[in-house]
Amino acid sequence: MEMMISRLSEIEEKANQIIAKANEQKKMLHEEFEKNIEKMEKTIAADNAQKLRLLQEKTDKEFDSEKEEMIANSEKRIKRLEEINQNEHDALVKQVFDNIIHS
């Protein structure tokens, strides 16, 4: 009987060792899992930052291009209005001059 109790005690001790080892492995796996999650989050954040940076650069280029196009169109319109104004001014001066001469 004592031998059986001793044997049961040994089995229990081995079982406790197995459980302790399993808990240690579980802890190590959990720590590794946490490190992997942290690494993945950093990678995702870096990728998102890069994508945002590229999108911002693209948007800035498009904005600059549109701005330059608007400036060029505005300058053309201003020049055309100045030409129209000059032509009408010359025609008006000629008309006034003709009215003075023919009066």
PDB file of N, CA and C in Angstrom:
ATOM      1  N   MET A   1       0.828  -1.188   0.000  1.00  0.00           N
ATOM      2  CA  MET A   1       0.000   0.000   0.000  1.00  0.00           C
ATOM      3  C   MET A   1       0.871   1.250   0.000  1.00  0.00           C
ATOM      4  N   GLU A   2       1.907   1.189   0.835  1.00  0.00           N
ATOM      5  CA  GLU A   2       2.800   2.342   0.903  1.00  0.00           C
ATOM      6  C   GLU A   2       3.484   2.554  -0.450  1.00  0.00           C
ATOM      7  N   MET A   3       3.782   1.469  -1.113  1.00  0.00           N
ATOM      8  CA  MET A   3       4.403   1.556  -2.420  1.00  0.00           C
ATOM      9  C   MET A   3       3.437   2.194  -3.424  1.00  0.00           C
ATOM     10  N   MET A   4       2.186   1.853  -3.303  1.00  0.00           N
ATOM     11  CA  MET A   4       1.185   2.427  -4.192  1.00  0.00           C
ATOM     12  C   MET A   4       1.041   3.929  -3.916  1.00  0.00           C
ATOM     13  N   ILE A   5       1.045   4.336  -2.671  1.00  0.00           N
ATOM     14  CA  ILE A   5       0.959   5.760  -2.301  1.00  0.00           C
ATOM     15  C   ILE A   5       2.189   6.483  -2.816  1.00  0.00           C
ATOM     16  N   SER A   6       3.335   5.856  -2.678  1.00  0.00           N
ATOM     17  CA  SER A   6       4.573   6.444  -3.173  1.00  0.00           C
ATOM     18  C   SER A   6       4.506   6.601  -4.687  1.00  0.00           C
ATOM     19  N   ARG A   7       3.993   5.579  -5.337  1.00  0.00           N
ATOM     20  CA  ARG A   7       3.869   5.624  -6.810  1.00  0.00           C
ATOM     21  C   ARG A   7       2.889   6.709  -7.226  1.00  0.00           C
ATOM     22  N   LEU A   8       1.767   6.832  -6.535  1.00  0.00           N
ATOM     23  CA  LEU A   8       0.780   7.886  -6.815  1.00  0.00           C
ATOM     24  C   LEU A   8       1.387   9.270  -6.570  1.00  0.00           C
ATOM     25  N   SER A   9       2.193   9.349  -5.544  1.00  0.00           N
ATOM     26  CA  SER A   9       2.861  10.613  -5.236  1.00  0.00           C
ATOM     27  C   SER A   9       3.822  10.997  -6.363  1.00  0.00           C
ATOM     28  N   GLU A  10       4.552  10.010  -6.874  1.00  0.00           N
ATOM     29  CA  GLU A  10       5.463  10.266  -7.996  1.00  0.00           C
ATOM     30  C   GLU A  10       4.689  10.699  -9.242  1.00  0.00           C
ATOM     31  N   ILE A  11       3.583  10.024  -9.486  1.00  0.00           N
ATOM     32  CA  ILE A  11       2.745  10.378 -10.648  1.00  0.00           C
ATOM     33  C   ILE A  11       2.219  11.794 -10.500  1.00  0.00           C
ATOM     34  N   GLU A  12       1.758  12.139  -9.311  1.00  0.00           N
ATOM     35  CA  GLU A  12       1.240  13.482  -9.059  1.00  0.00           C
ATOM     36  C   GLU A  12       2.352  14.519  -9.252  1.00  0.00           C
ATOM     37  N   GLU A  13       3.554  14.212  -8.760  1.00  0.00           N
ATOM     38  CA  GLU A  13       4.684  15.135  -8.901  1.00  0.00           C
ATOM     39  C   GLU A  13       5.028  15.332 -10.376  1.00  0.00           C
ATOM     40  N   LYS A  14       5.039  14.238 -11.147  1.00  0.00           N
ATOM     41  CA  LYS A  14       5.316  14.334 -12.577  1.00  0.00           C
ATOM     42  C   LYS A  14       4.204  15.121 -13.276  1.00  0.00           C
ATOM     43  N   ALA A  15       2.977  14.888 -12.877  1.00  0.00           N
ATOM     44  CA  ALA A  15       1.846  15.620 -13.454  1.00  0.00           C
ATOM     45  C   ALA A  15       1.984  17.119 -13.162  1.00  0.00           C
ATOM     46  N   ASN A  16       2.361  17.441 -11.928  1.00  0.00           N
ATOM     47  CA  ASN A  16       2.565  18.852 -11.569  1.00  0.00           C
ATOM     48  C   ASN A  16       3.704  19.472 -12.385  1.00  0.00           C
ATOM     49  N   GLN A  17       4.756  18.700 -12.613  1.00  0.00           N
ATOM     50  CA  GLN A  17       5.870  19.186 -13.434  1.00  0.00           C
ATOM     51  C   GLN A  17       5.415  19.432 -14.875  1.00  0.00           C
ATOM     52  N   ILE A  18       4.627  18.504 -15.397  1.00  0.00           N
ATOM     53  CA  ILE A  18       4.104  18.658 -16.765  1.00  0.00           C
ATOM     54  C   ILE A  18       3.225  19.900 -16.851  1.00  0.00           C
ATOM     55  N   ILE A  19       2.368  20.083 -15.846  1.00  0.00           N
ATOM     56  CA  ILE A  19       1.493  21.268 -15.823  1.00  0.00           C
ATOM     57  C   ILE A  19       2.325  22.541 -15.715  1.00  0.00           C
ATOM     58  N   ALA A  20       3.352  22.533 -14.870  1.00  0.00           N
ATOM     59  CA  ALA A  20       4.210  23.708 -14.715  1.00  0.00           C
ATOM     60  C   ALA A  20       4.926  24.014 -16.030  1.00  0.00           C
ATOM     61  N   LYS A  21       5.427  22.957 -16.680  1.00  0.00           N
ATOM     62  CA  LYS A  21       6.111  23.148 -17.964  1.00  0.00           C
ATOM     63  C   LYS A  21       5.131  23.679 -19.010  1.00  0.00           C
ATOM     64  N   ALA A  22       3.926  23.144 -19.040  1.00  0.00           N
ATOM     65  CA  ALA A  22       2.896  23.608 -19.975  1.00  0.00           C
ATOM     66  C   ALA A  22       2.551  25.074 -19.710  1.00  0.00           C
ATOM     67  N   ASN A  23       2.449  25.456 -18.444  1.00  0.00           N
ATOM     68  CA  ASN A  23       2.168  26.858 -18.107  1.00  0.00           C
ATOM     69  C   ASN A  23       3.306  27.775 -18.544  1.00  0.00           C
ATOM     70  N   GLU A  24       4.540  27.310 -18.377  1.00  0.00           N
ATOM     71  CA  GLU A  24       5.699  28.098 -18.809  1.00  0.00           C
ATOM     72  C   GLU A  24       5.693  28.264 -20.330  1.00  0.00           C
ATOM     73  N   GLN A  25       5.393  27.179 -21.037  1.00  0.00           N
ATOM     74  CA  GLN A  25       5.316  27.261 -22.501  1.00  0.00           C
ATOM     75  C   GLN A  25       4.171  28.178 -22.932  1.00  0.00           C
ATOM     76  N   LYS A  26       3.076  28.092 -22.217  1.00  0.00           N
ATOM     77  CA  LYS A  26       1.929  28.958 -22.496  1.00  0.00           C
ATOM     78  C   LYS A  26       2.328  30.419 -22.314  1.00  0.00           C
ATOM     79  N   LYS A  27       3.056  30.711 -21.243  1.00  0.00           N
ATOM     80  CA  LYS A  27       3.507  32.080 -20.970  1.00  0.00           C
ATOM     81  C   LYS A  27       4.447  32.555 -22.078  1.00  0.00           C
ATOM     82  N   MET A  28       5.380  31.683 -22.487  1.00  0.00           N
ATOM     83  CA  MET A  28       6.323  32.047 -23.537  1.00  0.00           C
ATOM     84  C   MET A  28       5.603  32.285 -24.867  1.00  0.00           C
ATOM     85  N   LEU A  29       4.641  31.423 -25.180  1.00  0.00           N
ATOM     86  CA  LEU A  29       3.859  31.598 -26.405  1.00  0.00           C
ATOM     87  C   LEU A  29       3.055  32.902 -26.375  1.00  0.00           C
ATOM     88  N   HIS A  30       2.507  33.224 -25.215  1.00  0.00           N
ATOM     89  CA  HIS A  30       1.748  34.467 -25.060  1.00  0.00           C
ATOM     90  C   HIS A  30       2.655  35.680 -25.287  1.00  0.00           C
ATOM     91  N   GLU A  31       3.862  35.652 -24.707  1.00  0.00           N
ATOM     92  CA  GLU A  31       4.808  36.755 -24.882  1.00  0.00           C
ATOM     93  C   GLU A  31       5.214  36.880 -26.357  1.00  0.00           C
ATOM     94  N   GLU A  32       5.464  35.737 -26.998  1.00  0.00           N
ATOM     95  CA  GLU A  32       5.822  35.753 -28.418  1.00  0.00           C
ATOM     96  C   GLU A  32       4.665  36.301 -29.257  1.00  0.00           C
ATOM     97  N   PHE A  33       3.462  35.888 -28.909  1.00  0.00           N
ATOM     98  CA  PHE A  33       2.266  36.370 -29.591  1.00  0.00           C
ATOM     99  C   PHE A  33       2.134  37.884 -29.444  1.00  0.00           C
ATOM    100  N   GLU A  34       2.341  38.385 -28.233  1.00  0.00           N
ATOM    101  CA  GLU A  34       2.266  39.827 -27.989  1.00  0.00           C
ATOM    102  C   GLU A  34       3.326  40.582 -28.798  1.00  0.00           C
ATOM    103  N   LYS A  35       4.542  40.032 -28.860  1.00  0.00           N
ATOM    104  CA  LYS A  35       5.607  40.668 -29.647  1.00  0.00           C
ATOM    105  C   LYS A  35       5.244  40.685 -31.122  1.00  0.00           C
ATOM    106  N   ASN A  36       4.693  39.594 -31.612  1.00  0.00           N
ATOM    107  CA  ASN A  36       4.288  39.530 -33.017  1.00  0.00           C
ATOM    108  C   ASN A  36       3.179  40.528 -33.327  1.00  0.00           C
ATOM    109  N   ILE A  37       2.237  40.657 -32.411  1.00  0.00           N
ATOM    110  CA  ILE A  37       1.157  41.635 -32.603  1.00  0.00           C
ATOM    111  C   ILE A  37       1.731  43.046 -32.637  1.00  0.00           C
ATOM    112  N   GLU A  38       2.630  43.353 -31.717  1.00  0.00           N
ATOM    113  CA  GLU A  38       3.243  44.681 -31.671  1.00  0.00           C
ATOM    114  C   GLU A  38       4.019  44.964 -32.964  1.00  0.00           C
ATOM    115  N   LYS A  39       4.759  43.969 -33.421  1.00  0.00           N
ATOM    116  CA  LYS A  39       5.522  44.122 -34.664  1.00  0.00           C
ATOM    117  C   LYS A  39       4.581  44.360 -35.843  1.00  0.00           C
ATOM    118  N   MET A  40       3.489  43.594 -35.892  1.00  0.00           N
ATOM    119  CA  MET A  40       2.525  43.743 -36.969  1.00  0.00           C
ATOM    120  C   MET A  40       1.872  45.131 -36.922  1.00  0.00           C
ATOM    121  N   GLU A  41       1.537  45.603 -35.731  1.00  0.00           N
ATOM    122  CA  GLU A  41       0.928  46.929 -35.598  1.00  0.00           C
ATOM    123  C   GLU A  41       1.882  48.014 -36.078  1.00  0.00           C
ATOM    124  N   LYS A  42       3.178  47.876 -35.744  1.00  0.00           N
ATOM    125  CA  LYS A  42       4.173  48.860 -36.200  1.00  0.00           C
ATOM    126  C   LYS A  42       4.301  48.825 -37.718  1.00  0.00           C
ATOM    127  N   THR A  43       4.288  47.629 -38.287  1.00  0.00           N
ATOM    128  CA  THR A  43       4.390  47.496 -39.742  1.00  0.00           C
ATOM    129  C   THR A  43       3.179  48.129 -40.415  1.00  0.00           C
ATOM    130  N   ILE A  44       2.005  47.859 -39.887  1.00  0.00           N
ATOM    131  CA  ILE A  44       0.779  48.431 -40.453  1.00  0.00           C
ATOM    132  C   ILE A  44       0.806  49.950 -40.333  1.00  0.00           C
ATOM    133  N   ALA A  45       1.229  50.452 -39.188  1.00  0.00           N
ATOM    134  CA  ALA A  45       1.300  51.908 -38.991  1.00  0.00           C
ATOM    135  C   ALA A  45       2.288  52.529 -39.968  1.00  0.00           C
ATOM    136  N   ALA A  46       3.435  51.893 -40.176  1.00  0.00           N
ATOM    137  CA  ALA A  46       4.438  52.416 -41.113  1.00  0.00           C
ATOM    138  C   ALA A  46       3.891  52.387 -42.541  1.00  0.00           C
ATOM    139  N   ASP A  47       3.219  51.303 -42.910  1.00  0.00           N
ATOM    140  CA  ASP A  47       2.622  51.204 -44.242  1.00  0.00           C
ATOM    141  C   ASP A  47       1.567  52.288 -44.449  1.00  0.00           C
ATOM    142  N   ASN A  48       0.727  52.484 -43.446  1.00  0.00           N
ATOM    143  CA  ASN A  48      -0.307  53.521 -43.541  1.00  0.00           C
ATOM    144  C   ASN A  48       0.311  54.907 -43.647  1.00  0.00           C
ATOM    145  N   ALA A  49       1.363  55.149 -42.882  1.00  0.00           N
ATOM    146  CA  ALA A  49       2.033  56.452 -42.944  1.00  0.00           C
ATOM    147  C   ALA A  49       2.621  56.675 -44.334  1.00  0.00           C
ATOM    148  N   GLN A  50       3.222  55.642 -44.902  1.00  0.00           N
ATOM    149  CA  GLN A  50       3.792  55.750 -46.252  1.00  0.00           C
ATOM    150  C   GLN A  50       2.697  56.017 -47.278  1.00  0.00           C
ATOM    151  N   LYS A  51       1.583  55.290 -47.169  1.00  0.00           N
ATOM    152  CA  LYS A  51       0.469  55.490 -48.099  1.00  0.00           C
ATOM    153  C   LYS A  51      -0.090  56.903 -47.978  1.00  0.00           C
ATOM    154  N   LEU A  52      -0.216  57.386 -46.752  1.00  0.00           N
ATOM    155  CA  LEU A  52      -0.713  58.751 -46.541  1.00  0.00           C
ATOM    156  C   LEU A  52       0.253  59.780 -47.115  1.00  0.00           C
ATOM    157  N   ARG A  53       1.547  59.544 -46.931  1.00  0.00           N
ATOM    158  CA  ARG A  53       2.562  60.455 -47.456  1.00  0.00           C
ATOM    159  C   ARG A  53       2.486  60.503 -48.993  1.00  0.00           C
ATOM    160  N   LEU A  54       2.363  59.338 -49.631  1.00  0.00           N
ATOM    161  CA  LEU A  54       2.260  59.287 -51.087  1.00  0.00           C
ATOM    162  C   LEU A  54       0.977  59.953 -51.578  1.00  0.00           C
ATOM    163  N   LEU A  55      -0.114  59.713 -50.864  1.00  0.00           N
ATOM    164  CA  LEU A  55      -1.383  60.338 -51.230  1.00  0.00           C
ATOM    165  C   LEU A  55      -1.299  61.852 -51.084  1.00  0.00           C
ATOM    166  N   GLN A  56      -0.653  62.322 -50.021  1.00  0.00           N
ATOM    167  CA  GLN A  56      -0.490  63.764 -49.816  1.00  0.00           C
ATOM    168  C   GLN A  56       0.359  64.373 -50.925  1.00  0.00           C
ATOM    169  N   GLU A  57       1.437  63.691 -51.305  1.00  0.00           N
ATOM    170  CA  GLU A  57       2.289  64.181 -52.390  1.00  0.00           C
ATOM    171  C   GLU A  57       1.513  64.256 -53.696  1.00  0.00           C
ATOM    172  N   LYS A  58       0.734  63.219 -53.981  1.00  0.00           N
ATOM    173  CA  LYS A  58      -0.071  63.195 -55.205  1.00  0.00           C
ATOM    174  C   LYS A  58      -1.083  64.332 -55.201  1.00  0.00           C
ATOM    175  N   THR A  59      -1.756  64.511 -54.068  1.00  0.00           N
ATOM    176  CA  THR A  59      -2.753  65.576 -53.948  1.00  0.00           C
ATOM    177  C   THR A  59      -2.100  66.949 -54.112  1.00  0.00           C
ATOM    178  N   ASP A  60      -0.928  67.126 -53.501  1.00  0.00           N
ATOM    179  CA  ASP A  60      -0.214  68.396 -53.624  1.00  0.00           C
ATOM    180  C   ASP A  60       0.163  68.681 -55.078  1.00  0.00           C
ATOM    181  N   LYS A  61       0.646  67.651 -55.792  1.00  0.00           N
ATOM    182  CA  LYS A  61       1.012  67.833 -57.201  1.00  0.00           C
ATOM    183  C   LYS A  61      -0.207  68.204 -58.035  1.00  0.00           C
ATOM    184  N   GLU A  62      -1.320  67.497 -57.798  1.00  0.00           N
ATOM    185  CA  GLU A  62      -2.547  67.796 -58.532  1.00  0.00           C
ATOM    186  C   GLU A  62      -3.029  69.217 -58.229  1.00  0.00           C
ATOM    187  N   PHE A  63      -2.956  69.606 -56.964  1.00  0.00           N
ATOM    188  CA  PHE A  63      -3.367  70.943 -56.570  1.00  0.00           C
ATOM    189  C   PHE A  63      -2.485  71.993 -57.238  1.00  0.00           C
ATOM    190  N   ASP A  64      -1.161  71.772 -57.209  1.00  0.00           N
ATOM    191  CA  ASP A  64      -0.237  72.717 -57.841  1.00  0.00           C
ATOM    192  C   ASP A  64      -0.492  72.820 -59.338  1.00  0.00           C
ATOM    193  N   SER A  65      -0.749  71.696 -59.981  1.00  0.00           N
ATOM    194  CA  SER A  65      -1.024  71.684 -61.413  1.00  0.00           C
ATOM    195  C   SER A  65      -2.304  72.468 -61.723  1.00  0.00           C
ATOM    196  N   GLU A  66      -3.346  72.214 -60.961  1.00  0.00           N
ATOM    197  CA  GLU A  66      -4.608  72.932 -61.162  1.00  0.00           C
ATOM    198  C   GLU A  66      -4.432  74.421 -60.888  1.00  0.00           C
ATOM    199  N   LYS A  67      -3.662  74.744 -59.866  1.00  0.00           N
ATOM    200  CA  LYS A  67      -3.422  76.152 -59.524  1.00  0.00           C
ATOM    201  C   LYS A  67      -2.692  76.851 -60.667  1.00  0.00           C
ATOM    202  N   GLU A  68      -1.651  76.200 -61.194  1.00  0.00           N
ATOM    203  CA  GLU A  68      -0.901  76.790 -62.303  1.00  0.00           C
ATOM    204  C   GLU A  68      -1.780  76.972 -63.532  1.00  0.00           C
ATOM    205  N   GLU A  69      -2.644  75.989 -63.794  1.00  0.00           N
ATOM    206  CA  GLU A  69      -3.557  76.080 -64.927  1.00  0.00           C
ATOM    207  C   GLU A  69      -4.541  77.240 -64.740  1.00  0.00           C
ATOM    208  N   MET A  70      -5.042  77.396 -63.521  1.00  0.00           N
ATOM    209  CA  MET A  70      -5.977  78.495 -63.246  1.00  0.00           C
ATOM    210  C   MET A  70      -5.288  79.847 -63.386  1.00  0.00           C
ATOM    211  N   ILE A  71      -4.044  79.932 -62.919  1.00  0.00           N
ATOM    212  CA  ILE A  71      -3.291  81.179 -63.042  1.00  0.00           C
ATOM    213  C   ILE A  71      -3.069  81.513 -64.508  1.00  0.00           C
ATOM    214  N   ALA A  72      -2.669  80.509 -65.291  1.00  0.00           N
ATOM    215  CA  ALA A  72      -2.432  80.728 -66.724  1.00  0.00           C
ATOM    216  C   ALA A  72      -3.717  81.173 -67.421  1.00  0.00           C
ATOM    217  N   ASN A  73      -4.843  80.506 -67.114  1.00  0.00           N
ATOM    218  CA  ASN A  73      -6.128  80.894 -67.717  1.00  0.00           C
ATOM    219  C   ASN A  73      -6.531  82.308 -67.307  1.00  0.00           C
ATOM    220  N   SER A  74      -6.299  82.649 -66.041  1.00  0.00           N
ATOM    221  CA  SER A  74      -6.638  83.992 -65.566  1.00  0.00           C
ATOM    222  C   SER A  74      -5.790  85.038 -66.262  1.00  0.00           C
ATOM    223  N   GLU A  75      -4.503  84.757 -66.429  1.00  0.00           N
ATOM    224  CA  GLU A  75      -3.624  85.706 -67.125  1.00  0.00           C
ATOM    225  C   GLU A  75      -4.053  85.896 -68.575  1.00  0.00           C
ATOM    226  N   LYS A  76      -4.474  84.800 -69.245  1.00  0.00           N
ATOM    227  CA  LYS A  76      -4.965  84.901 -70.624  1.00  0.00           C
ATOM    228  C   LYS A  76      -6.220  85.756 -70.681  1.00  0.00           C
ATOM    229  N   ARG A  77      -7.134  85.550 -69.742  1.00  0.00           N
ATOM    230  CA  ARG A  77      -8.375  86.334 -69.718  1.00  0.00           C
ATOM    231  C   ARG A  77      -8.093  87.808 -69.461  1.00  0.00           C
ATOM    232  N   ILE A  78      -7.179  88.069 -68.523  1.00  0.00           N
ATOM    233  CA  ILE A  78      -6.839  89.466 -68.226  1.00  0.00           C
ATOM    234  C   ILE A  78      -6.242  90.126 -69.464  1.00  0.00           C
ATOM    235  N   LYS A  79      -5.337  89.423 -70.136  1.00  0.00           N
ATOM    236  CA  LYS A  79      -4.720  89.969 -71.351  1.00  0.00           C
ATOM    237  C   LYS A  79      -5.783  90.227 -72.413  1.00  0.00           C
ATOM    238  N   ARG A  80      -6.713  89.287 -72.584  1.00  0.00           N
ATOM    239  CA  ARG A  80      -7.783  89.450 -73.580  1.00  0.00           C
ATOM    240  C   ARG A  80      -8.672  90.637 -73.211  1.00  0.00           C
ATOM    241  N   LEU A  81      -9.000  90.789 -71.933  1.00  0.00           N
ATOM    242  CA  LEU A  81      -9.814  91.932 -71.507  1.00  0.00           C
ATOM    243  C   LEU A  81      -9.080  93.248 -71.736  1.00  0.00           C
ATOM    244  N   GLU A  82      -7.778  93.251 -71.487  1.00  0.00           N
ATOM    245  CA  GLU A  82      -6.989  94.464 -71.739  1.00  0.00           C
ATOM    246  C   GLU A  82      -6.974  94.794 -73.229  1.00  0.00           C
ATOM    247  N   GLU A  83      -6.880  93.748 -74.097  1.00  0.00           N
ATOM    248  CA  GLU A  83      -6.910  93.978 -75.544  1.00  0.00           C
ATOM    249  C   GLU A  83      -8.259  94.532 -75.971  1.00  0.00           C
ATOM    250  N   ILE A  84      -9.325  93.926 -75.441  1.00  0.00           N
ATOM    251  CA  ILE A  84     -10.673  94.407 -75.765  1.00  0.00           C
ATOM    252  C   ILE A  84     -10.828  95.842 -75.301  1.00  0.00           C
ATOM    253  N   ASN A  85     -10.379  96.139 -74.097  1.00  0.00           N
ATOM    254  CA  ASN A  85     -10.477  97.490 -73.560  1.00  0.00           C
ATOM    255  C   ASN A  85      -9.689  98.471 -74.430  1.00  0.00           C
ATOM    256  N   GLN A  86      -8.495  98.080 -74.833  1.00  0.00           N
ATOM    257  CA  GLN A  86      -7.668  98.960 -75.665  1.00  0.00           C
ATOM    258  C   GLN A  86      -8.337  99.198 -77.014  1.00  0.00           C
ATOM    259  N   ASN A  87      -8.860  98.133 -77.627  1.00  0.00           N
ATOM    260  CA  ASN A  87      -9.526  98.262 -78.930  1.00  0.00           C
ATOM    261  C   ASN A  87     -10.765  99.142 -78.826  1.00  0.00           C
ATOM    262  N   GLU A  88     -11.574  98.944 -77.820  1.00  0.00           N
ATOM    263  CA  GLU A  88     -12.771  99.761 -77.656  1.00  0.00           C
ATOM    264  C   GLU A  88     -12.399 101.197 -77.313  1.00  0.00           C
ATOM    265  N   HIS A  89     -11.340 101.370 -76.549  1.00  0.00           N
ATOM    266  CA  HIS A  89     -10.874 102.716 -76.199  1.00  0.00           C
ATOM    267  C   HIS A  89     -10.442 103.449 -77.467  1.00  0.00           C
ATOM    268  N   ASP A  90      -9.686 102.769 -78.306  1.00  0.00           N
ATOM    269  CA  ASP A  90      -9.239 103.374 -79.558  1.00  0.00           C
ATOM    270  C   ASP A  90     -10.430 103.706 -80.447  1.00  0.00           C
ATOM    271  N   ALA A  91     -11.403 102.808 -80.523  1.00  0.00           N
ATOM    272  CA  ALA A  91     -12.595 103.053 -81.333  1.00  0.00           C
ATOM    273  C   ALA A  91     -13.395 104.212 -80.767  1.00  0.00           C
ATOM    274  N   LEU A  92     -13.523 104.292 -79.444  1.00  0.00           N
ATOM    275  CA  LEU A  92     -14.268 105.385 -78.809  1.00  0.00           C
ATOM    276  C   LEU A  92     -13.563 106.723 -79.032  1.00  0.00           C
ATOM    277  N   VAL A  93     -12.245 106.745 -78.891  1.00  0.00           N
ATOM    278  CA  VAL A  93     -11.476 107.984 -79.134  1.00  0.00           C
ATOM    279  C   VAL A  93     -11.652 108.407 -80.580  1.00  0.00           C
ATOM    280  N   LYS A  94     -11.613 107.461 -81.522  1.00  0.00           N
ATOM    281  CA  LYS A  94     -11.788 107.778 -82.952  1.00  0.00           C
ATOM    282  C   LYS A  94     -13.179 108.344 -83.189  1.00  0.00           C
ATOM    283  N   GLN A  95     -14.190 107.726 -82.539  1.00  0.00           N
ATOM    284  CA  GLN A  95     -15.561 108.201 -82.713  1.00  0.00           C
ATOM    285  C   GLN A  95     -15.698 109.619 -82.168  1.00  0.00           C
ATOM    286  N   VAL A  96     -15.146 109.884 -80.998  1.00  0.00           N
ATOM    287  CA  VAL A  96     -15.205 111.233 -80.421  1.00  0.00           C
ATOM    288  C   VAL A  96     -14.464 112.213 -81.331  1.00  0.00           C
ATOM    289  N   PHE A  97     -13.314 111.813 -81.802  1.00  0.00           N
ATOM    290  CA  PHE A  97     -12.521 112.669 -82.691  1.00  0.00           C
ATOM    291  C   PHE A  97     -13.294 112.961 -83.967  1.00  0.00           C
ATOM    292  N   ASP A  98     -13.930 111.942 -84.570  1.00  0.00           N
ATOM    293  CA  ASP A  98     -14.725 112.140 -85.776  1.00  0.00           C
ATOM    294  C   ASP A  98     -15.907 113.076 -85.506  1.00  0.00           C
ATOM    295  N   ASN A  99     -16.553 112.934 -84.357  1.00  0.00           N
ATOM    296  CA  ASN A  99     -17.678 113.808 -84.005  1.00  0.00           C
ATOM    297  C   ASN A  99     -17.218 115.260 -83.877  1.00  0.00           C
ATOM    298  N   ILE A 100     -16.030 115.460 -83.308  1.00  0.00           N
ATOM    299  CA  ILE A 100     -15.506 116.830 -83.157  1.00  0.00           C
ATOM    300  C   ILE A 100     -15.203 117.428 -84.530  1.00  0.00           C
ATOM    301  N   ILE A 101     -14.616 116.666 -85.386  1.00  0.00           N
ATOM    302  CA  ILE A 101     -14.224 117.155 -86.710  1.00  0.00           C
ATOM    303  C   ILE A 101     -15.455 117.435 -87.569  1.00  0.00           C
ATOM    304  N   HIS A 102     -16.472 116.589 -87.509  1.00  0.00           N
ATOM    305  CA  HIS A 102     -17.656 116.733 -88.364  1.00  0.00           C
ATOM    306  C   HIS A 102     -18.683 117.669 -87.774  1.00  0.00           C
ATOM    307  N   SER A 103     -18.504 118.159 -86.609  1.00  0.00           N
ATOM    308  CA  SER A 103     -19.478 119.054 -86.017  1.00  0.00           C
ATOM    309  C   SER A 103     -19.379 120.431 -86.528  1.00  0.00           C
TER     310      SER A 103
END
